[in-house]
N, C-alpha and C. Protein backbone atom coordinates (compact mmCIF):
# COMPACT_ATOMS: atom_id res chain seq x y z
N MET A 1 70.22 97.48 115.09
CA MET A 1 70.28 97.74 113.92
C MET A 1 71.45 98.58 113.05
N TYR A 2 72.27 97.48 112.45
CA TYR A 2 73.35 98.14 111.92
C TYR A 2 73.19 98.85 110.41
N THR A 3 73.51 99.80 110.00
CA THR A 3 73.65 100.59 108.66
C THR A 3 74.17 100.62 107.83
N ARG A 4 75.65 100.46 108.37
CA ARG A 4 77.22 100.53 107.72
C ARG A 4 78.44 99.21 108.48
N ILE A 5 78.39 98.45 107.65
CA ILE A 5 79.45 97.30 108.28
C ILE A 5 80.58 97.37 107.60
N LEU A 6 81.85 97.31 108.12
CA LEU A 6 82.87 96.75 107.60
C LEU A 6 83.38 95.65 108.15
N VAL A 7 83.61 95.15 106.56
CA VAL A 7 84.16 93.52 107.14
C VAL A 7 85.85 93.66 106.60
N ALA A 8 86.78 93.01 107.71
CA ALA A 8 88.44 93.10 106.80
C ALA A 8 88.12 91.47 106.16
N VAL A 9 88.89 91.70 105.20
CA VAL A 9 89.04 90.61 104.12
C VAL A 9 90.57 90.37 103.78
N ASP A 10 91.22 89.02 103.90
CA ASP A 10 92.14 88.97 103.27
C ASP A 10 92.51 87.86 102.08
N GLY A 11 91.61 87.09 101.79
CA GLY A 11 91.52 86.17 101.00
C GLY A 11 91.59 84.57 101.64
N SER A 12 91.98 84.73 103.16
CA SER A 12 92.04 83.15 103.53
C SER A 12 90.55 82.60 103.88
N ASN A 13 90.44 81.55 103.84
CA ASN A 13 88.82 81.02 104.49
C ASN A 13 88.26 81.40 105.44
N THR A 14 89.20 81.74 106.24
CA THR A 14 88.41 82.57 107.43
C THR A 14 87.96 83.89 107.13
N SER A 15 88.53 84.70 106.59
CA SER A 15 87.97 86.02 106.22
C SER A 15 87.00 85.89 105.32
N ARG A 16 86.75 84.93 104.21
CA ARG A 16 85.62 84.65 103.26
C ARG A 16 84.49 84.33 104.45
N ARG A 17 84.55 83.53 105.53
CA ARG A 17 83.90 83.27 106.63
C ARG A 17 82.92 84.64 107.15
N ALA A 18 83.96 85.31 107.57
CA ALA A 18 83.56 86.55 107.90
C ALA A 18 82.70 87.56 107.08
N PHE A 19 83.18 87.46 105.80
CA PHE A 19 82.63 88.09 104.55
C PHE A 19 81.36 87.63 104.44
N GLU A 20 80.98 86.39 104.73
CA GLU A 20 79.83 85.71 104.87
C GLU A 20 78.63 86.19 105.57
N ALA A 21 79.38 86.33 107.04
CA ALA A 21 78.30 86.57 108.19
C ALA A 21 78.07 88.30 108.00
N ALA A 22 79.09 88.88 107.82
CA ALA A 22 79.04 90.30 107.21
C ALA A 22 77.99 90.70 106.36
N LEU A 23 78.11 89.61 104.92
CA LEU A 23 76.75 90.33 103.78
C LEU A 23 75.83 89.52 104.84
N ALA A 24 75.43 88.34 105.22
CA ALA A 24 73.81 88.01 105.71
C ALA A 24 73.71 89.13 106.85
N LEU A 25 74.41 89.62 107.54
CA LEU A 25 73.88 91.00 108.52
C LEU A 25 73.44 92.10 107.54
N ALA A 26 74.44 92.14 106.81
CA ALA A 26 73.98 93.55 105.96
C ALA A 26 72.66 93.31 105.04
N LYS A 27 72.13 92.27 104.42
CA LYS A 27 70.85 91.97 103.90
C LYS A 27 70.05 92.17 104.80
N SER A 28 70.02 91.40 105.88
CA SER A 28 69.14 91.68 107.02
C SER A 28 68.87 92.90 107.23
N ASN A 29 69.76 93.53 107.62
CA ASN A 29 69.54 95.07 108.14
C ASN A 29 69.85 96.15 106.95
N GLY A 30 69.35 95.71 105.85
CA GLY A 30 69.54 96.71 105.06
C GLY A 30 70.89 97.76 104.54
N ALA A 31 71.81 97.14 105.37
CA ALA A 31 72.97 97.82 105.85
C ALA A 31 74.18 98.03 104.24
N VAL A 32 74.99 99.17 104.22
CA VAL A 32 75.86 99.05 103.65
C VAL A 32 77.24 98.54 103.82
N LEU A 33 77.55 97.54 103.25
CA LEU A 33 78.50 96.67 103.29
C LEU A 33 79.73 97.54 102.35
N GLN A 34 81.00 97.61 103.57
CA GLN A 34 82.19 97.28 102.75
C GLN A 34 83.40 96.43 103.19
N PRO A 35 83.46 95.69 102.13
CA PRO A 35 85.01 94.83 102.41
C PRO A 35 86.15 95.48 102.73
N PHE A 36 86.90 95.43 103.22
CA PHE A 36 88.33 96.11 103.37
C PHE A 36 89.11 95.25 103.12
N TYR A 37 90.28 95.50 102.34
CA TYR A 37 91.63 94.72 102.42
C TYR A 37 92.54 95.58 102.69
N VAL A 38 93.70 95.15 103.24
CA VAL A 38 95.00 95.81 103.85
C VAL A 38 96.03 94.93 102.90
N VAL A 39 96.41 95.92 101.99
CA VAL A 39 98.14 95.60 101.77
C VAL A 39 99.25 95.60 102.93
N GLU A 40 99.58 94.70 102.95
CA GLU A 40 100.88 94.87 103.94
C GLU A 40 102.24 95.19 104.00
N ASN A 41 102.73 96.27 103.93
CA ASN A 41 104.02 96.65 103.42
C ASN A 41 105.01 96.51 104.82
N THR A 42 105.42 95.14 104.73
CA THR A 42 105.86 94.81 106.12
C THR A 42 107.50 94.77 105.67
N PRO A 43 108.52 95.80 106.52
CA PRO A 43 109.70 95.89 106.29
C PRO A 43 110.59 94.58 106.61
N LEU A 44 109.93 93.55 106.97
CA LEU A 44 110.65 92.38 107.30
C LEU A 44 110.55 91.40 105.68
N TYR A 45 109.84 91.67 104.83
CA TYR A 45 109.87 91.34 103.60
C TYR A 45 111.22 91.78 102.59
N PHE A 46 111.26 92.82 102.82
CA PHE A 46 112.15 93.98 102.37
C PHE A 46 113.72 93.84 102.43
N GLU A 47 114.30 92.86 103.53
CA GLU A 47 115.19 92.90 103.87
C GLU A 47 116.49 92.12 102.97
N ALA A 48 115.36 91.29 102.20
CA ALA A 48 116.50 90.33 101.47
C ALA A 48 117.46 90.81 100.61
N PRO A 49 118.67 90.89 100.33
CA PRO A 49 119.57 91.69 98.94
C PRO A 49 118.83 91.37 97.91
N GLY A 50 118.60 92.07 96.84
CA GLY A 50 118.35 92.18 95.64
C GLY A 50 116.76 91.85 95.55
N TYR A 51 115.60 91.97 96.72
CA TYR A 51 114.83 91.95 96.57
C TYR A 51 113.60 93.17 96.49
N ASP A 52 113.13 93.13 94.96
CA ASP A 52 112.29 94.32 94.96
C ASP A 52 110.98 94.34 95.39
N PRO A 53 110.66 95.38 96.58
CA PRO A 53 109.42 95.00 97.23
C PRO A 53 108.17 95.25 96.69
N SER A 54 108.33 95.56 95.12
CA SER A 54 107.09 96.21 94.57
C SER A 54 106.61 94.99 93.94
N VAL A 55 107.06 94.01 93.77
CA VAL A 55 106.52 92.82 93.15
C VAL A 55 105.80 92.13 93.75
N LEU A 56 105.85 92.24 95.52
CA LEU A 56 105.06 91.79 96.35
C LEU A 56 103.69 92.49 96.55
N ARG A 57 103.95 94.10 96.67
CA ARG A 57 103.08 95.07 96.65
C ARG A 57 102.02 94.92 95.98
N ASN A 58 102.61 94.95 94.65
CA ASN A 58 101.88 94.80 93.39
C ASN A 58 100.96 93.61 93.35
N ARG A 59 101.41 92.46 93.76
CA ARG A 59 100.57 90.81 93.73
C ARG A 59 99.57 91.44 94.91
N LEU A 60 99.76 91.73 96.07
CA LEU A 60 98.77 92.00 97.03
C LEU A 60 97.69 93.03 96.53
N VAL A 61 98.13 93.84 95.95
CA VAL A 61 97.18 94.85 95.11
C VAL A 61 96.09 94.34 94.50
N GLU A 62 96.76 93.28 93.73
CA GLU A 62 96.18 92.26 92.56
C GLU A 62 95.25 91.58 92.94
N GLU A 63 95.60 91.00 94.46
CA GLU A 63 94.59 90.16 94.91
C GLU A 63 93.44 90.66 95.56
N GLY A 64 93.68 92.00 95.97
CA GLY A 64 92.50 93.00 96.56
C GLY A 64 91.82 93.56 95.81
N LYS A 65 92.36 93.33 94.25
CA LYS A 65 91.10 93.34 93.26
C LYS A 65 90.28 92.45 92.96
N GLU A 66 91.16 91.37 93.10
CA GLU A 66 90.04 90.06 92.53
C GLU A 66 89.35 89.75 93.57
N LEU A 67 89.69 89.72 94.76
CA LEU A 67 88.41 89.72 95.86
C LEU A 67 87.37 90.88 96.04
N GLY A 68 87.71 92.26 95.57
CA GLY A 68 86.66 93.29 95.37
C GLY A 68 85.73 92.65 94.14
N ALA A 69 86.04 92.38 92.78
CA ALA A 69 85.45 91.89 92.19
C ALA A 69 84.67 90.44 92.67
N GLU A 70 84.95 89.51 93.53
CA GLU A 70 84.30 88.46 93.41
C GLU A 70 83.12 88.92 94.77
N PHE A 71 83.35 89.56 95.59
CA PHE A 71 82.73 90.16 96.79
C PHE A 71 81.55 91.19 96.24
N ALA A 72 81.93 91.83 95.08
CA ALA A 72 81.01 92.63 94.52
C ALA A 72 79.85 91.88 93.62
N LYS A 73 80.28 90.88 93.37
CA LYS A 73 79.08 90.08 92.82
C LYS A 73 78.34 89.44 93.77
N ALA A 74 78.84 88.87 94.81
CA ALA A 74 78.12 88.40 96.10
C ALA A 74 77.03 89.29 96.49
N MET A 75 77.67 90.60 96.57
CA MET A 75 76.73 91.42 97.12
C MET A 75 75.96 92.08 96.08
N LEU A 76 76.34 91.80 95.23
CA LEU A 76 74.93 92.45 93.90
C LEU A 76 73.65 91.32 94.00
N ASP A 77 74.38 89.88 94.02
CA ASP A 77 73.26 88.61 93.85
C ASP A 77 72.42 88.96 95.45
N GLN A 78 73.20 89.33 96.22
CA GLN A 78 72.20 89.58 97.69
C GLN A 78 71.44 90.87 97.49
N GLY A 79 71.69 91.70 96.87
CA GLY A 79 70.93 92.93 97.05
C GLY A 79 71.42 94.07 97.81
N VAL A 80 72.70 93.78 98.36
CA VAL A 80 73.30 94.41 99.25
C VAL A 80 74.67 95.47 98.52
N LYS A 81 74.15 96.81 98.84
CA LYS A 81 75.29 98.13 98.54
C LYS A 81 76.41 98.06 98.99
N GLY A 82 77.34 98.50 98.60
CA GLY A 82 78.94 98.50 99.07
C GLY A 82 79.69 98.73 98.36
N GLU A 83 81.01 98.66 98.16
CA GLU A 83 82.14 97.96 97.40
C GLU A 83 83.67 98.27 98.07
N LEU A 84 84.55 97.27 97.56
CA LEU A 84 85.62 97.14 98.18
C LEU A 84 86.38 98.14 98.35
N ALA A 85 87.15 98.14 99.46
CA ALA A 85 88.17 99.28 99.92
C ALA A 85 89.37 98.95 100.10
N ILE A 86 90.46 99.36 99.56
CA ILE A 86 91.97 98.86 99.78
C ILE A 86 92.46 99.79 100.81
N GLY A 87 93.34 99.26 101.71
CA GLY A 87 94.29 100.37 102.56
C GLY A 87 95.67 99.59 102.53
N GLU A 88 96.40 100.41 103.03
CA GLU A 88 98.21 99.82 103.10
C GLU A 88 98.72 100.18 104.45
N ALA A 89 99.02 98.84 105.03
CA ALA A 89 99.87 99.10 106.27
C ALA A 89 101.34 99.17 106.01
N SER A 90 102.10 99.47 106.95
CA SER A 90 103.22 99.62 107.34
C SER A 90 104.16 99.90 108.51
N SER A 91 105.18 100.18 108.52
CA SER A 91 105.83 99.88 110.06
C SER A 91 105.39 101.07 110.76
N LEU A 92 104.73 101.88 110.72
CA LEU A 92 104.19 103.24 111.23
C LEU A 92 102.90 102.84 111.55
N ASP A 93 102.11 102.36 110.37
CA ASP A 93 100.30 101.87 110.79
C ASP A 93 100.49 100.27 110.28
N ASP A 94 100.34 99.66 111.35
CA ASP A 94 100.03 98.18 111.49
C ASP A 94 98.47 97.82 111.16
N VAL A 95 98.42 96.72 110.39
CA VAL A 95 97.10 96.69 109.84
C VAL A 95 96.10 96.92 111.06
N SER A 96 95.90 96.53 111.96
CA SER A 96 94.63 96.98 112.78
C SER A 96 94.49 98.51 112.95
N ALA A 97 95.65 99.09 112.67
CA ALA A 97 94.99 100.20 113.06
C ALA A 97 94.55 101.07 111.62
N VAL A 98 95.45 100.22 110.43
CA VAL A 98 94.45 100.82 109.38
C VAL A 98 93.09 100.31 109.24
N VAL A 99 92.92 99.00 109.66
CA VAL A 99 91.53 98.69 109.65
C VAL A 99 90.73 99.43 110.71
N LEU A 100 90.78 99.77 111.91
CA LEU A 100 90.32 100.82 112.48
C LEU A 100 90.22 102.22 111.94
N LYS A 101 91.01 102.66 111.15
CA LYS A 101 90.88 103.94 110.31
C LYS A 101 90.08 103.83 109.92
N ALA A 102 89.84 102.78 108.66
CA ALA A 102 89.13 102.57 107.93
C ALA A 102 87.67 102.51 108.36
N ALA A 103 87.29 101.92 109.10
CA ALA A 103 86.21 102.11 110.03
C ALA A 103 85.91 103.08 110.36
N ALA A 104 86.58 103.97 111.15
CA ALA A 104 86.11 105.12 111.27
C ALA A 104 85.65 106.40 110.26
N ASP A 105 86.55 105.83 109.20
CA ASP A 105 86.61 106.87 108.00
C ASP A 105 84.93 106.26 107.34
N PHE A 106 84.70 105.07 107.21
CA PHE A 106 83.56 104.58 106.62
C PHE A 106 81.74 105.13 107.53
N LYS A 107 82.60 105.52 109.05
CA LYS A 107 81.23 105.29 110.10
C LYS A 107 80.66 104.54 110.17
N ALA A 108 81.28 103.06 110.46
CA ALA A 108 81.35 101.93 110.40
C ALA A 108 80.17 101.73 111.98
N ASP A 109 79.37 100.90 112.03
CA ASP A 109 78.33 101.21 113.07
C ASP A 109 78.91 99.40 113.63
N LEU A 110 79.78 98.49 112.74
CA LEU A 110 80.07 97.20 113.49
C LEU A 110 80.83 96.62 112.16
N LEU A 111 81.92 95.93 112.92
CA LEU A 111 83.51 95.61 112.38
C LEU A 111 83.19 94.02 112.43
N VAL A 112 83.42 93.55 111.04
CA VAL A 112 83.28 92.15 111.34
C VAL A 112 84.60 91.44 110.92
N MET A 113 85.27 90.74 111.61
CA MET A 113 86.72 90.03 111.31
C MET A 113 86.73 88.58 111.48
N GLY A 114 87.57 87.93 110.79
CA GLY A 114 87.53 86.45 110.88
C GLY A 114 88.56 86.49 112.13
N THR A 115 89.00 85.45 112.96
CA THR A 115 89.92 85.32 114.00
C THR A 115 90.88 84.79 113.56
N HIS A 116 91.49 84.47 112.56
CA HIS A 116 92.53 83.74 111.77
C HIS A 116 92.71 83.93 110.40
N GLY A 117 93.61 84.77 110.05
CA GLY A 117 93.99 85.41 108.48
C GLY A 117 95.33 84.97 108.36
N ARG A 118 95.87 85.10 107.33
CA ARG A 118 97.08 85.02 106.90
C ARG A 118 97.91 86.39 107.08
N ARG A 119 98.95 86.61 108.52
CA ARG A 119 99.54 87.30 108.23
C ARG A 119 101.03 87.00 108.90
N GLY A 120 101.42 85.69 109.11
CA GLY A 120 102.69 85.00 108.95
C GLY A 120 103.25 85.70 110.48
N VAL A 121 104.66 85.83 110.28
CA VAL A 121 105.42 86.49 110.87
C VAL A 121 105.05 87.35 112.35
N GLN A 122 104.70 88.31 111.61
CA GLN A 122 104.13 89.06 112.61
C GLN A 122 103.00 88.65 113.36
N ARG A 123 101.97 88.11 113.00
CA ARG A 123 100.89 87.37 113.64
C ARG A 123 101.61 86.43 115.19
N LEU A 124 102.78 85.73 114.83
CA LEU A 124 103.27 85.13 115.57
C LEU A 124 103.99 86.37 116.97
N ILE A 125 104.30 86.97 116.75
CA ILE A 125 105.24 87.91 116.99
C ILE A 125 104.62 88.70 117.99
N LEU A 126 103.72 89.34 117.42
CA LEU A 126 102.66 90.51 118.11
C LEU A 126 101.53 89.86 118.38
N GLY A 127 100.52 88.77 117.92
CA GLY A 127 99.46 88.62 118.34
C GLY A 127 98.53 88.90 117.28
N SER A 128 97.19 88.72 117.09
CA SER A 128 96.65 88.52 116.05
C SER A 128 95.94 89.71 115.82
N VAL A 129 95.73 90.38 114.81
CA VAL A 129 95.43 91.32 114.14
C VAL A 129 93.86 91.65 114.78
N ALA A 130 92.89 90.81 114.76
CA ALA A 130 91.89 91.02 115.28
C ALA A 130 91.57 90.92 116.80
N GLU A 131 92.51 90.38 117.88
CA GLU A 131 93.03 90.75 118.78
C GLU A 131 93.01 92.13 119.00
N ARG A 132 93.97 92.55 118.52
CA ARG A 132 94.52 94.24 118.48
C ARG A 132 93.31 95.14 118.14
N CYS A 133 92.59 94.79 117.29
CA CYS A 133 91.42 95.81 116.83
C CYS A 133 90.05 95.26 117.79
N VAL A 134 89.88 94.33 118.33
CA VAL A 134 89.03 94.03 119.45
C VAL A 134 89.40 95.06 120.55
N ARG A 135 90.95 95.10 121.12
CA ARG A 135 91.34 96.06 121.95
C ARG A 135 91.22 97.65 122.03
N GLN A 136 91.26 97.99 120.87
CA GLN A 136 91.40 99.30 120.56
C GLN A 136 89.96 99.93 119.81
N ALA A 137 89.09 98.99 119.81
CA ALA A 137 87.90 99.56 118.60
C ALA A 137 87.30 100.38 119.46
N SER A 138 86.56 101.33 118.94
CA SER A 138 85.50 102.45 119.99
C SER A 138 84.21 101.85 119.22
N LEU A 139 83.83 100.45 118.25
CA LEU A 139 82.53 100.37 117.83
C LEU A 139 82.60 98.67 117.89
N PRO A 140 81.23 98.32 117.72
CA PRO A 140 81.25 96.97 118.34
C PRO A 140 81.91 95.82 117.38
N VAL A 141 82.82 94.74 117.58
CA VAL A 141 83.23 94.04 117.03
C VAL A 141 82.78 92.69 116.80
N LEU A 142 82.27 91.67 115.70
CA LEU A 142 82.06 90.61 115.56
C LEU A 142 83.13 90.06 115.00
N LEU A 143 83.40 88.55 115.73
CA LEU A 143 84.73 87.78 115.14
C LEU A 143 84.11 86.42 114.80
N VAL A 144 84.31 86.41 113.66
CA VAL A 144 84.16 85.03 113.07
C VAL A 144 84.99 84.03 113.36
N PRO A 145 85.27 82.59 114.34
CA PRO A 145 86.49 82.19 114.63
C PRO A 145 86.93 81.35 113.48
N SER A 146 87.96 80.86 113.34
CA SER A 146 88.41 79.98 112.25
C SER A 146 87.70 78.57 112.83
N ALA A 147 87.55 78.31 114.16
CA ALA A 147 86.64 76.98 114.40
C ALA A 147 85.35 76.89 113.72
N ALA A 148 84.81 77.86 113.22
CA ALA A 148 83.52 77.81 112.29
C ALA A 148 83.60 77.18 111.04
N ALA A 149 84.74 76.66 110.67
CA ALA A 149 85.08 76.36 109.48
C ALA A 149 84.00 74.78 109.41
N LYS A 150 83.85 74.19 108.39
CA LYS A 150 83.25 73.05 108.18
C LYS A 150 84.32 71.61 108.28
N THR A 151 83.94 70.80 108.51
CA THR A 151 85.16 69.32 108.34
C THR A 151 85.72 69.40 107.21
N GLY A 152 86.91 69.25 107.43
CA GLY A 152 87.75 68.93 106.47
C GLY A 152 88.01 70.39 105.78
N ASP A 153 87.51 71.75 105.98
CA ASP A 153 87.63 72.95 105.43
C ASP A 153 88.95 73.85 106.19
N ALA A 154 90.37 73.81 105.48
CA ALA A 154 91.49 74.23 106.17
C ALA A 154 91.65 75.58 105.49
N ASP A 155 92.58 76.52 106.55
CA ASP A 155 93.02 77.86 105.78
C ASP A 155 94.41 77.51 105.43
């Protein structure tokens, strides 16, 4: 039985399916659910001359807040307690490290993730965030694959 579930979300269709799975588990177990959104401050984005990194960062923070409102309503509708938390990744702490630290800080007994989100070039070069979390996690990880999509549903 799970009592504290953390679900990593990023706004993609795959992470929405992971949230739905986590919400159903939280409801059936009477667990507290914490959707967790990571703002990724990747140096690669900051190399362009004249680029202001705060524009991207601020938009990502805003997206996290929008997801938080959406997920809070879904949780309230299902009678599930919890609220969105936001973390920030950097060149020193990648997304997987930030997610695992958040799970530990929340004292989660289950981590739920989609296996295919939007992480661009870093995912192509370094592998998926979900894969790194599974390899480094000290708690059970439930992966919701992108193949679980309905026909015609694309990320």
